[in-house]
PDB file of N, CA and C in Angstrom:
ATOM      1  N   MET A   1     -11.030  -0.101  -4.084  1.00  0.00           N
ATOM      2  CA  MET A   1     -11.095  -1.450  -4.504  1.00  0.00           C
ATOM      3  C   MET A   1     -12.557  -1.912  -4.764  1.00  0.00           C
ATOM      4  N   ARG A   2     -13.350  -1.598  -3.889  1.00  0.00           N
ATOM      5  CA  ARG A   2     -14.900  -1.989  -4.155  1.00  0.00           C
ATOM      6  C   ARG A   2     -15.400  -1.177  -5.309  1.00  0.00           C
ATOM      7  N   THR A   3     -15.010  -0.028  -5.748  1.00  0.00           N
ATOM      8  CA  THR A   3     -15.482   0.669  -6.768  1.00  0.00           C
ATOM      9  C   THR A   3     -14.924   0.217  -8.306  1.00  0.00           C
ATOM     10  N   LYS A   4     -13.940  -0.815  -8.092  1.00  0.00           N
ATOM     11  CA  LYS A   4     -13.275  -1.360  -9.326  1.00  0.00           C
ATOM     12  C   LYS A   4     -12.228  -0.499  -9.981  1.00  0.00           C
ATOM     13  N   ARG A   5     -11.854   0.823  -9.220  1.00  0.00           N
ATOM     14  CA  ARG A   5     -11.216   1.731  -9.915  1.00  0.00           C
ATOM     15  C   ARG A   5      -9.564   1.353  -9.728  1.00  0.00           C
ATOM     16  N   LEU A   6      -9.377   0.529  -8.671  1.00  0.00           N
ATOM     17  CA  LEU A   6      -8.130  -0.106  -8.572  1.00  0.00           C
ATOM     18  C   LEU A   6      -8.326  -1.479  -8.532  1.00  0.00           C
ATOM     19  N   ALA A   7      -7.182  -2.351  -8.928  1.00  0.00           N
ATOM     20  CA  ALA A   7      -7.300  -3.835  -8.843  1.00  0.00           C
ATOM     21  C   ALA A   7      -7.438  -4.262  -7.541  1.00  0.00           C
ATOM     22  N   GLU A   8      -8.199  -5.500  -7.503  1.00  0.00           N
ATOM     23  CA  GLU A   8      -8.334  -6.175  -6.160  1.00  0.00           C
ATOM     24  C   GLU A   8      -7.154  -6.462  -5.468  1.00  0.00           C
ATOM     25  N   GLY A   9      -6.026  -6.711  -6.067  1.00  0.00           N
ATOM     26  CA  GLY A   9      -4.705  -6.942  -5.507  1.00  0.00           C
ATOM     27  C   GLY A   9      -4.303  -5.698  -4.787  1.00  0.00           C
ATOM     28  N   HIS A  10      -4.625  -4.532  -5.010  1.00  0.00           N
ATOM     29  CA  HIS A  10      -4.281  -3.415  -4.377  1.00  0.00           C
ATOM     30  C   HIS A  10      -4.892  -3.415  -3.001  1.00  0.00           C
ATOM     31  N   GLY A  11      -6.131  -3.797  -2.935  1.00  0.00           N
ATOM     32  CA  GLY A  11      -6.914  -4.040  -1.592  1.00  0.00           C
ATOM     33  C   GLY A  11      -6.178  -4.909  -0.688  1.00  0.00           C
ATOM     34  N   ARG A  12      -5.783  -6.067  -1.196  1.00  0.00           N
ATOM     35  CA  ARG A  12      -5.210  -6.969  -0.364  1.00  0.00           C
ATOM     36  C   ARG A  12      -3.746  -6.528  -0.002  1.00  0.00           C
ATOM     37  N   THR A  13      -3.087  -5.755  -0.749  1.00  0.00           N
ATOM     38  CA  THR A  13      -1.786  -5.191  -0.407  1.00  0.00           C
ATOM     39  C   THR A  13      -2.008  -4.180   0.711  1.00  0.00           C
ATOM     40  N   LEU A  14      -3.078  -3.340   0.485  1.00  0.00           N
ATOM     41  CA  LEU A  14      -3.299  -2.364   1.515  1.00  0.00           C
ATOM     42  C   LEU A  14      -3.657  -2.934   2.964  1.00  0.00           C
ATOM     43  N   ALA A  15      -4.395  -4.136   2.930  1.00  0.00           N
ATOM     44  CA  ALA A  15      -4.784  -4.854   4.176  1.00  0.00           C
ATOM     45  C   ALA A  15      -3.394  -5.235   4.707  1.00  0.00           C
ATOM     46  N   TRP A  16      -2.590  -5.811   4.020  1.00  0.00           N
ATOM     47  CA  TRP A  16      -1.339  -6.353   4.527  1.00  0.00           C
ATOM     48  C   TRP A  16      -0.448  -5.429   5.015  1.00  0.00           C
ATOM     49  N   LEU A  17      -0.202  -4.286   4.233  1.00  0.00           N
ATOM     50  CA  LEU A  17       0.489  -3.264   4.927  1.00  0.00           C
ATOM     51  C   LEU A  17      -0.032  -2.525   6.231  1.00  0.00           C
ATOM     52  N   PHE A  18      -1.396  -2.641   6.326  1.00  0.00           N
ATOM     53  CA  PHE A  18      -1.984  -2.266   7.512  1.00  0.00           C
ATOM     54  C   PHE A  18      -1.654  -3.170   8.650  1.00  0.00           C
ATOM     55  N   GLU A  19      -1.639  -4.435   8.369  1.00  0.00           N
ATOM     56  CA  GLU A  19      -1.438  -5.531   9.520  1.00  0.00           C
ATOM     57  C   GLU A  19       0.021  -5.226   9.831  1.00  0.00           C
ATOM     58  N   LEU A  20       1.114  -5.154   8.897  1.00  0.00           N
ATOM     59  CA  LEU A  20       2.552  -4.968   9.145  1.00  0.00           C
ATOM     60  C   LEU A  20       2.677  -3.621  10.072  1.00  0.00           C
ATOM     61  N   ARG A  21       1.985  -2.538   9.631  1.00  0.00           N
ATOM     62  CA  ARG A  21       1.982  -1.356  10.561  1.00  0.00           C
ATOM     63  C   ARG A  21       1.785  -1.637  11.833  1.00  0.00           C
ATOM     64  N   GLY A  22       0.649  -2.277  12.052  1.00  0.00           N
ATOM     65  CA  GLY A  22       0.188  -2.876  13.386  1.00  0.00           C
ATOM     66  C   GLY A  22       1.274  -3.607  14.317  1.00  0.00           C
ATOM     67  N   ILE A  23       2.078  -4.477  13.498  1.00  0.00           N
ATOM     68  CA  ILE A  23       3.152  -5.314  14.120  1.00  0.00           C
ATOM     69  C   ILE A  23       4.183  -4.444  14.580  1.00  0.00           C
ATOM     70  N   ALA A  24       4.520  -3.443  13.518  1.00  0.00           N
ATOM     71  CA  ALA A  24       5.829  -2.581  13.652  1.00  0.00           C
ATOM     72  C   ALA A  24       5.382  -1.627  14.940  1.00  0.00           C
ATOM     73  N   ASP A  25       4.182  -1.202  15.054  1.00  0.00           N
ATOM     74  CA  ASP A  25       3.877  -0.261  16.001  1.00  0.00           C
ATOM     75  C   ASP A  25       3.570  -0.905  17.489  1.00  0.00           C
ATOM     76  N   TYR A  26       2.923  -1.930  17.417  1.00  0.00           N
ATOM     77  CA  TYR A  26       2.546  -2.556  18.691  1.00  0.00           C
ATOM     78  C   TYR A  26       2.961  -3.993  18.932  1.00  0.00           C
ATOM     79  N   GLY A  27       3.743  -4.569  18.198  1.00  0.00           N
ATOM     80  CA  GLY A  27       4.187  -5.838  18.248  1.00  0.00           C
ATOM     81  C   GLY A  27       5.348  -6.126  19.251  1.00  0.00           C
ATOM     82  N   GLU A  28       5.069  -6.078  20.377  1.00  0.00           N
ATOM     83  CA  GLU A  28       6.146  -6.309  21.422  1.00  0.00           C
ATOM     84  C   GLU A  28       6.958  -7.610  21.300  1.00  0.00           C
ATOM     85  N   SER A  29       6.136  -8.727  20.948  1.00  0.00           N
ATOM     86  CA  SER A  29       6.678 -10.018  20.757  1.00  0.00           C
ATOM     87  C   SER A  29       6.979 -10.291  19.433  1.00  0.00           C
ATOM     88  N   ARG A  30       6.398  -9.687  18.367  1.00  0.00           N
ATOM     89  CA  ARG A  30       6.660  -9.929  16.855  1.00  0.00           C
ATOM     90  C   ARG A  30       7.208  -8.647  16.222  1.00  0.00           C
ATOM     91  N   HIS A  31       8.226  -8.926  15.341  1.00  0.00           N
ATOM     92  CA  HIS A  31       8.690  -7.772  14.505  1.00  0.00           C
ATOM     93  C   HIS A  31       8.797  -8.320  13.157  1.00  0.00           C
ATOM     94  N   VAL A  32       8.729  -7.237  12.248  1.00  0.00           N
ATOM     95  CA  VAL A  32       8.672  -7.333  10.890  1.00  0.00           C
ATOM     96  C   VAL A  32      10.009  -7.583  10.380  1.00  0.00           C
ATOM     97  N   PRO A  33      10.405  -8.731   9.651  1.00  0.00           N
ATOM     98  CA  PRO A  33      11.816  -8.993   9.224  1.00  0.00           C
ATOM     99  C   PRO A  33      12.256  -8.095   8.134  1.00  0.00           C
ATOM    100  N   GLY A  34      13.393  -7.885   7.779  1.00  0.00           N
ATOM    101  CA  GLY A  34      14.092  -6.933   6.791  1.00  0.00           C
ATOM    102  C   GLY A  34      13.405  -7.217   5.513  1.00  0.00           C
ATOM    103  N   GLU A  35      13.422  -8.391   5.076  1.00  0.00           N
ATOM    104  CA  GLU A  35      13.005  -8.820   3.774  1.00  0.00           C
ATOM    105  C   GLU A  35      11.530  -8.374   3.680  1.00  0.00           C
ATOM    106  N   GLN A  36      10.833  -8.724   4.674  1.00  0.00           N
ATOM    107  CA  GLN A  36       9.289  -8.392   4.563  1.00  0.00           C
ATOM    108  C   GLN A  36       9.058  -6.835   4.518  1.00  0.00           C
ATOM    109  N   ALA A  37      10.027  -6.191   5.345  1.00  0.00           N
ATOM    110  CA  ALA A  37       9.978  -4.748   5.097  1.00  0.00           C
ATOM    111  C   ALA A  37      10.289  -4.188   3.679  1.00  0.00           C
ATOM    112  N   ARG A  38      11.141  -4.664   3.157  1.00  0.00           N
ATOM    113  CA  ARG A  38      11.696  -4.399   1.801  1.00  0.00           C
ATOM    114  C   ARG A  38      10.318  -4.594   0.815  1.00  0.00           C
ATOM    115  N   GLN A  39       9.762  -5.798   0.970  1.00  0.00           N
ATOM    116  CA  GLN A  39       8.500  -6.069   0.139  1.00  0.00           C
ATOM    117  C   GLN A  39       7.436  -5.186   0.424  1.00  0.00           C
ATOM    118  N   ALA A  40       7.197  -4.772   1.623  1.00  0.00           N
ATOM    119  CA  ALA A  40       6.133  -3.813   2.006  1.00  0.00           C
ATOM    120  C   ALA A  40       6.416  -2.468   1.318  1.00  0.00           C
ATOM    121  N   ILE A  41       7.789  -2.044   1.423  1.00  0.00           N
ATOM    122  CA  ILE A  41       8.036  -0.685   0.691  1.00  0.00           C
ATOM    123  C   ILE A  41       7.808  -0.830  -0.815  1.00  0.00           C
ATOM    124  N   ASP A  42       8.234  -1.856  -1.403  1.00  0.00           N
ATOM    125  CA  ASP A  42       7.862  -1.952  -2.881  1.00  0.00           C
ATOM    126  C   ASP A  42       6.499  -1.972  -3.148  1.00  0.00           C
ATOM    127  N   ALA A  43       5.625  -2.762  -2.348  1.00  0.00           N
ATOM    128  CA  ALA A  43       4.181  -2.950  -2.545  1.00  0.00           C
ATOM    129  C   ALA A  43       3.490  -1.547  -2.315  1.00  0.00           C
ATOM    130  N   ALA A  44       4.104  -0.736  -1.303  1.00  0.00           N
ATOM    131  CA  ALA A  44       3.468   0.522  -1.039  1.00  0.00           C
ATOM    132  C   ALA A  44       3.702   1.313  -2.163  1.00  0.00           C
ATOM    133  N   GLY A  45       4.983   1.384  -2.872  1.00  0.00           N
ATOM    134  CA  GLY A  45       5.356   2.102  -4.044  1.00  0.00           C
ATOM    135  C   GLY A  45       4.231   1.827  -5.219  1.00  0.00           C
ATOM    136  N   GLU A  46       4.063   0.522  -5.473  1.00  0.00           N
ATOM    137  CA  GLU A  46       3.180   0.085  -6.512  1.00  0.00           C
ATOM    138  C   GLU A  46       1.704   0.516  -6.249  1.00  0.00           C
ATOM    139  N   PHE A  47       1.217   0.784  -5.062  1.00  0.00           N
ATOM    140  CA  PHE A  47      -0.126   1.185  -4.632  1.00  0.00           C
ATOM    141  C   PHE A  47      -0.160   2.641  -4.993  1.00  0.00           C
ATOM    142  N   LEU A  48       0.970   3.257  -4.597  1.00  0.00           N
ATOM    143  CA  LEU A  48       0.872   4.700  -4.870  1.00  0.00           C
ATOM    144  C   LEU A  48       1.046   5.009  -6.320  1.00  0.00           C
ATOM    145  N   GLY A  49       1.790   4.081  -7.047  1.00  0.00           N
ATOM    146  CA  GLY A  49       1.809   4.296  -8.572  1.00  0.00           C
ATOM    147  C   GLY A  49       0.269   4.232  -9.113  1.00  0.00           C
ATOM    148  N   ALA A  50      -0.438   3.239  -8.764  1.00  0.00           N
ATOM    149  CA  ALA A  50      -1.752   3.051  -9.088  1.00  0.00           C
ATOM    150  C   ALA A  50      -2.546   4.145  -8.839  1.00  0.00           C
ATOM    151  N   CYS A  51      -2.443   4.739  -7.359  1.00  0.00           N
ATOM    152  CA  CYS A  51      -3.360   5.826  -7.335  1.00  0.00           C
ATOM    153  C   CYS A  51      -2.917   7.091  -8.157  1.00  0.00           C
ATOM    154  N   ARG A  52      -1.738   7.275  -8.527  1.00  0.00           N
ATOM    155  CA  ARG A  52      -1.268   8.378  -9.104  1.00  0.00           C
ATOM    156  C   ARG A  52      -1.904   8.287 -10.715  1.00  0.00           C
ATOM    157  N   ASP A  53      -1.875   6.996 -11.158  1.00  0.00           N
ATOM    158  CA  ASP A  53      -2.398   6.798 -12.419  1.00  0.00           C
ATOM    159  C   ASP A  53      -3.870   7.031 -12.436  1.00  0.00           C
ATOM    160  N   LEU A  54      -4.595   6.732 -11.490  1.00  0.00           N
ATOM    161  CA  LEU A  54      -6.191   6.987 -11.249  1.00  0.00           C
ATOM    162  C   LEU A  54      -6.302   8.354 -11.291  1.00  0.00           C
ATOM    163  N   ILE A  55      -5.517   9.110 -10.507  1.00  0.00           N
ATOM    164  CA  ILE A  55      -5.771  10.505 -10.302  1.00  0.00           C
ATOM    165  C   ILE A  55      -5.537  11.246 -11.856  1.00  0.00           C
ATOM    166  N   ALA A  56      -4.439  10.824 -12.361  1.00  0.00           N
ATOM    167  CA  ALA A  56      -4.083  11.287 -13.758  1.00  0.00           C
ATOM    168  C   ALA A  56      -5.233  11.035 -14.743  1.00  0.00           C
ATOM    169  N   LYS A  57      -5.733   9.885 -14.691  1.00  0.00           N
ATOM    170  CA  LYS A  57      -6.801   9.346 -15.638  1.00  0.00           C
ATOM    171  C   LYS A  57      -8.016  10.277 -15.164  1.00  0.00           C
ATOM    172  N   LYS A  58      -8.291  10.619 -14.032  1.00  0.00           N
ATOM    173  CA  LYS A  58      -9.402  11.647 -13.808  1.00  0.00           C
ATOM    174  C   LYS A  58      -8.970  13.052 -14.182  1.00  0.00           C
ATOM    175  N   GLY A  59      -7.961  13.349 -14.632  1.00  0.00           N
ATOM    176  CA  GLY A  59      -7.664  14.801 -15.078  1.00  0.00           C
ATOM    177  C   GLY A  59      -7.353  15.633 -13.916  1.00  0.00           C
ATOM    178  N   LEU A  60      -7.000  15.189 -12.843  1.00  0.00           N
ATOM    179  CA  LEU A  60      -6.766  15.906 -11.561  1.00  0.00           C
ATOM    180  C   LEU A  60      -5.123  15.981 -11.544  1.00  0.00           C
ATOM    181  N   ASP A  61      -4.729  17.241 -10.757  1.00  0.00           N
ATOM    182  CA  ASP A  61      -3.326  17.461 -10.596  1.00  0.00           C
ATOM    183  C   ASP A  61      -2.886  17.072  -9.333  1.00  0.00           C
ATOM    184  N   LEU A  62      -1.826  16.384  -9.024  1.00  0.00           N
ATOM    185  CA  LEU A  62      -1.160  16.052  -7.806  1.00  0.00           C
ATOM    186  C   LEU A  62      -0.348  17.192  -7.373  1.00  0.00           C
ATOM    187  N   PRO A  63      -0.511  17.394  -6.032  1.00  0.00           N
ATOM    188  CA  PRO A  63       0.429  18.628  -5.374  1.00  0.00           C
ATOM    189  C   PRO A  63       1.790  18.138  -5.452  1.00  0.00           C
ATOM    190  N   GLU A  64       2.649  19.150  -5.615  1.00  0.00           N
ATOM    191  CA  GLU A  64       4.188  19.011  -5.798  1.00  0.00           C
ATOM    192  C   GLU A  64       4.743  18.504  -4.277  1.00  0.00           C
TER     193      GLU A  64
END
């Protein structure tokens, strides 16, 4: 994100996903609601899509 190869929004998404992961792993008194989990799955898919596009733009192959 700092390299400007991915949109700034992806950096915020990645930070949010990391926070949710911490809640899911260690949040004894907090839990991730189902709707927020669905949003996280969608956001992760968008992030991975952007990474795939960047890799393809660089002319690199993704492993199967």
